Amino acid sequence: MERLGDYYPLKVCMEENIFNVVALKIASILARVELEEVKILTVDGSPHCLQLHHAAEEAFKVTRSKCKLRHFVVAKGKIVEVSRDTVKISRYLSKVSLLASRDLLNSPKS
């Protein structure tokens, strides 16, 4: 495994891998290796990539890991950090719908 600065990058394609397998792999790593931080980086807007953020959250939940988890997406060519709460909210379409009707419909189009 090749090191990149302070990190060991791993990659996965959620179009080719099953969510449960990926979540279990992440959980297995968390259970066996003492990590300081995990960063998830995906493409913004991809339904497949969104699953990786959810798989990581699920792995952290079941392992009760104290390791820091951070989420990032590439949006319009820039890396943007996304809060864990935002990832959690994105699982619930009813909550997203409520937030969208309150905030996004009243804001200027980007």
C-alpha atoms as a PDB file:
ATOM      1  CA  MET A   1       0.000   0.000   0.000  1.00  0.00           C
ATOM      2  CA  GLU A   2       1.482   3.306  -1.087  1.00  0.00           C
ATOM      3  CA  ARG A   3       1.514   6.186   1.346  1.00  0.00           C
ATOM      4  CA  LEU A   4       0.352   9.662   0.307  1.00  0.00           C
ATOM      5  CA  GLY A   5       1.642  12.131   2.891  1.00  0.00           C
ATOM      6  CA  ASP A   6       0.156  11.062   6.223  1.00  0.00           C
ATOM      7  CA  TYR A   7      -2.490   8.892   4.536  1.00  0.00           C
ATOM      8  CA  TYR A   8      -2.842   5.503   2.899  1.00  0.00           C
ATOM      9  CA  PRO A   9      -5.395   6.069   0.132  1.00  0.00           C
ATOM     10  CA  LEU A  10      -7.824   3.265  -0.645  1.00  0.00           C
ATOM     11  CA  LYS A  11     -10.294   3.267  -3.505  1.00  0.00           C
ATOM     12  CA  VAL A  12     -13.580   1.585  -4.210  1.00  0.00           C
ATOM     13  CA  CYS A  13     -16.206   1.853  -6.917  1.00  0.00           C
ATOM     14  CA  MET A  14     -19.711   1.657  -5.515  1.00  0.00           C
ATOM     15  CA  GLU A  15     -21.045   0.741  -8.961  1.00  0.00           C
ATOM     16  CA  GLU A  16     -18.956  -2.441  -8.854  1.00  0.00           C
ATOM     17  CA  ASN A  17     -19.137  -3.266  -5.134  1.00  0.00           C
ATOM     18  CA  ILE A  18     -22.066  -4.038  -2.877  1.00  0.00           C
ATOM     19  CA  PHE A  19     -22.780  -1.538  -0.086  1.00  0.00           C
ATOM     20  CA  ASN A  20     -22.784  -4.219   2.643  1.00  0.00           C
ATOM     21  CA  VAL A  21     -19.389  -5.558   1.566  1.00  0.00           C
ATOM     22  CA  VAL A  22     -17.841  -2.091   1.549  1.00  0.00           C
ATOM     23  CA  ALA A  23     -19.337  -1.203   4.955  1.00  0.00           C
ATOM     24  CA  LEU A  24     -18.020  -4.486   6.396  1.00  0.00           C
ATOM     25  CA  LYS A  25     -14.542  -3.856   4.978  1.00  0.00           C
ATOM     26  CA  ILE A  26     -14.465  -0.383   6.533  1.00  0.00           C
ATOM     27  CA  ALA A  27     -15.751  -1.774   9.843  1.00  0.00           C
ATOM     28  CA  SER A  28     -13.120  -4.532   9.746  1.00  0.00           C
ATOM     29  CA  ILE A  29     -10.357  -1.978   9.286  1.00  0.00           C
ATOM     30  CA  LEU A  30     -11.724   0.168  12.121  1.00  0.00           C
ATOM     31  CA  ALA A  31     -11.940  -2.849  14.436  1.00  0.00           C
ATOM     32  CA  ARG A  32      -8.367  -3.985  13.769  1.00  0.00           C
ATOM     33  CA  VAL A  33      -6.306  -0.852  13.129  1.00  0.00           C
ATOM     34  CA  GLU A  34      -5.934   2.158  15.386  1.00  0.00           C
ATOM     35  CA  LEU A  35      -6.501   5.104  13.067  1.00  0.00           C
ATOM     36  CA  GLU A  36      -6.459   8.808  13.787  1.00  0.00           C
ATOM     37  CA  GLU A  37      -8.667   9.866  10.902  1.00  0.00           C
ATOM     38  CA  VAL A  38     -10.606   8.561   7.904  1.00  0.00           C
ATOM     39  CA  LYS A  39     -11.445  10.841   4.998  1.00  0.00           C
ATOM     40  CA  ILE A  40     -14.008   9.954   2.355  1.00  0.00           C
ATOM     41  CA  LEU A  41     -13.691  11.783  -0.982  1.00  0.00           C
ATOM     42  CA  THR A  42     -16.211  11.297  -3.776  1.00  0.00           C
ATOM     43  CA  VAL A  43     -17.827  13.106  -6.684  1.00  0.00           C
ATOM     44  CA  ASP A  44     -20.712  15.368  -5.672  1.00  0.00           C
ATOM     45  CA  GLY A  45     -24.078  14.403  -7.130  1.00  0.00           C
ATOM     46  CA  SER A  46     -23.278  10.756  -7.844  1.00  0.00           C
ATOM     47  CA  PRO A  47     -25.845   8.392  -6.302  1.00  0.00           C
ATOM     48  CA  HIS A  48     -23.234   5.628  -6.313  1.00  0.00           C
ATOM     49  CA  CYS A  49     -20.608   7.756  -4.580  1.00  0.00           C
ATOM     50  CA  LEU A  50     -23.100   8.903  -1.956  1.00  0.00           C
ATOM     51  CA  GLN A  51     -23.337   5.283  -0.830  1.00  0.00           C
ATOM     52  CA  LEU A  52     -19.666   5.342   0.235  1.00  0.00           C
ATOM     53  CA  HIS A  53     -20.361   8.153   2.697  1.00  0.00           C
ATOM     54  CA  HIS A  54     -23.257   6.142   4.134  1.00  0.00           C
ATOM     55  CA  ALA A  55     -21.173   2.944   4.273  1.00  0.00           C
ATOM     56  CA  ALA A  56     -18.504   4.761   6.284  1.00  0.00           C
ATOM     57  CA  GLU A  57     -21.078   6.217   8.672  1.00  0.00           C
ATOM     58  CA  GLU A  58     -22.594   2.752   9.171  1.00  0.00           C
ATOM     59  CA  ALA A  59     -19.161   1.221   9.819  1.00  0.00           C
ATOM     60  CA  PHE A  60     -18.351   3.893  12.386  1.00  0.00           C
ATOM     61  CA  LYS A  61     -21.725   3.367  14.049  1.00  0.00           C
ATOM     62  CA  VAL A  62     -21.424  -0.408  14.417  1.00  0.00           C
ATOM     63  CA  THR A  63     -17.792  -0.313  15.571  1.00  0.00           C
ATOM     64  CA  ARG A  64     -18.312   2.694  17.839  1.00  0.00           C
ATOM     65  CA  SER A  65     -14.987   3.956  16.541  1.00  0.00           C
ATOM     66  CA  LYS A  66     -13.573   7.074  18.172  1.00  0.00           C
ATOM     67  CA  CYS A  67     -11.526   7.763  15.054  1.00  0.00           C
ATOM     68  CA  LYS A  68     -12.289  11.063  13.319  1.00  0.00           C
ATOM     69  CA  LEU A  69     -14.390  10.700  10.151  1.00  0.00           C
ATOM     70  CA  ARG A  70     -14.503  13.484   7.572  1.00  0.00           C
ATOM     71  CA  HIS A  71     -16.489  13.654   4.341  1.00  0.00           C
ATOM     72  CA  PHE A  72     -15.476  15.520   1.167  1.00  0.00           C
ATOM     73  CA  VAL A  73     -16.903  15.874  -2.331  1.00  0.00           C
ATOM     74  CA  VAL A  74     -15.509  17.291  -5.534  1.00  0.00           C
ATOM     75  CA  ALA A  75     -17.966  19.960  -6.668  1.00  0.00           C
ATOM     76  CA  LYS A  76     -17.326  22.235  -9.630  1.00  0.00           C
ATOM     77  CA  GLY A  77     -13.649  21.249  -9.584  1.00  0.00           C
ATOM     78  CA  LYS A  78     -13.117  22.062  -5.908  1.00  0.00           C
ATOM     79  CA  ILE A  79     -12.939  19.838  -2.843  1.00  0.00           C
ATOM     80  CA  VAL A  80     -15.700  20.722  -0.395  1.00  0.00           C
ATOM     81  CA  GLU A  81     -15.976  19.328   3.134  1.00  0.00           C
ATOM     82  CA  VAL A  82     -19.416  18.049   4.081  1.00  0.00           C
ATOM     83  CA  SER A  83     -20.461  17.639   7.717  1.00  0.00           C
ATOM     84  CA  ARG A  84     -21.334  14.243   9.144  1.00  0.00           C
ATOM     85  CA  ASP A  85     -24.778  15.610   9.986  1.00  0.00           C
ATOM     86  CA  THR A  86     -25.322  16.483   6.326  1.00  0.00           C
ATOM     87  CA  VAL A  87     -24.432  12.926   5.310  1.00  0.00           C
ATOM     88  CA  LYS A  88     -26.813  11.554   7.941  1.00  0.00           C
ATOM     89  CA  ILE A  89     -29.639  13.847   6.822  1.00  0.00           C
ATOM     90  CA  SER A  90     -29.145  12.783   3.198  1.00  0.00           C
ATOM     91  CA  ARG A  91     -30.331   9.276   4.131  1.00  0.00           C
ATOM     92  CA  TYR A  92     -33.806  10.594   4.874  1.00  0.00           C
ATOM     93  CA  LEU A  93     -35.579  11.948   1.819  1.00  0.00           C
ATOM     94  CA  SER A  94     -38.415  13.326   3.931  1.00  0.00           C
ATOM     95  CA  LYS A  95     -35.928  15.524   5.828  1.00  0.00           C
ATOM     96  CA  VAL A  96     -34.169  16.575   2.628  1.00  0.00           C
ATOM     97  CA  SER A  97     -37.538  17.492   1.146  1.00  0.00           C
ATOM     98  CA  LEU A  98     -38.445  19.580   4.175  1.00  0.00           C
ATOM     99  CA  LEU A  99     -35.092  21.399   4.125  1.00  0.00           C
ATOM    100  CA  ALA A 100     -35.320  21.965   0.376  1.00  0.00           C
ATOM    101  CA  SER A 101     -38.794  23.434   0.599  1.00  0.00           C
ATOM    102  CA  ARG A 102     -37.703  25.774   3.388  1.00  0.00           C
ATOM    103  CA  ASP A 103     -34.289  26.908   2.185  1.00  0.00           C
ATOM    104  CA  LEU A 104     -33.487  26.058  -1.402  1.00  0.00           C
ATOM    105  CA  LEU A 105     -36.697  27.249  -2.959  1.00  0.00           C
ATOM    106  CA  ASN A 106     -36.151  30.706  -1.504  1.00  0.00           C
ATOM    107  CA  SER A 107     -32.470  31.024  -2.445  1.00  0.00           C
ATOM    108  CA  PRO A 108     -31.032  32.185  -5.758  1.00  0.00           C
ATOM    109  CA  LYS A 109     -30.211  29.433  -8.285  1.00  0.00           C
ATOM    110  CA  SER A 110     -26.511  28.533  -8.456  1.00  0.00           C
END
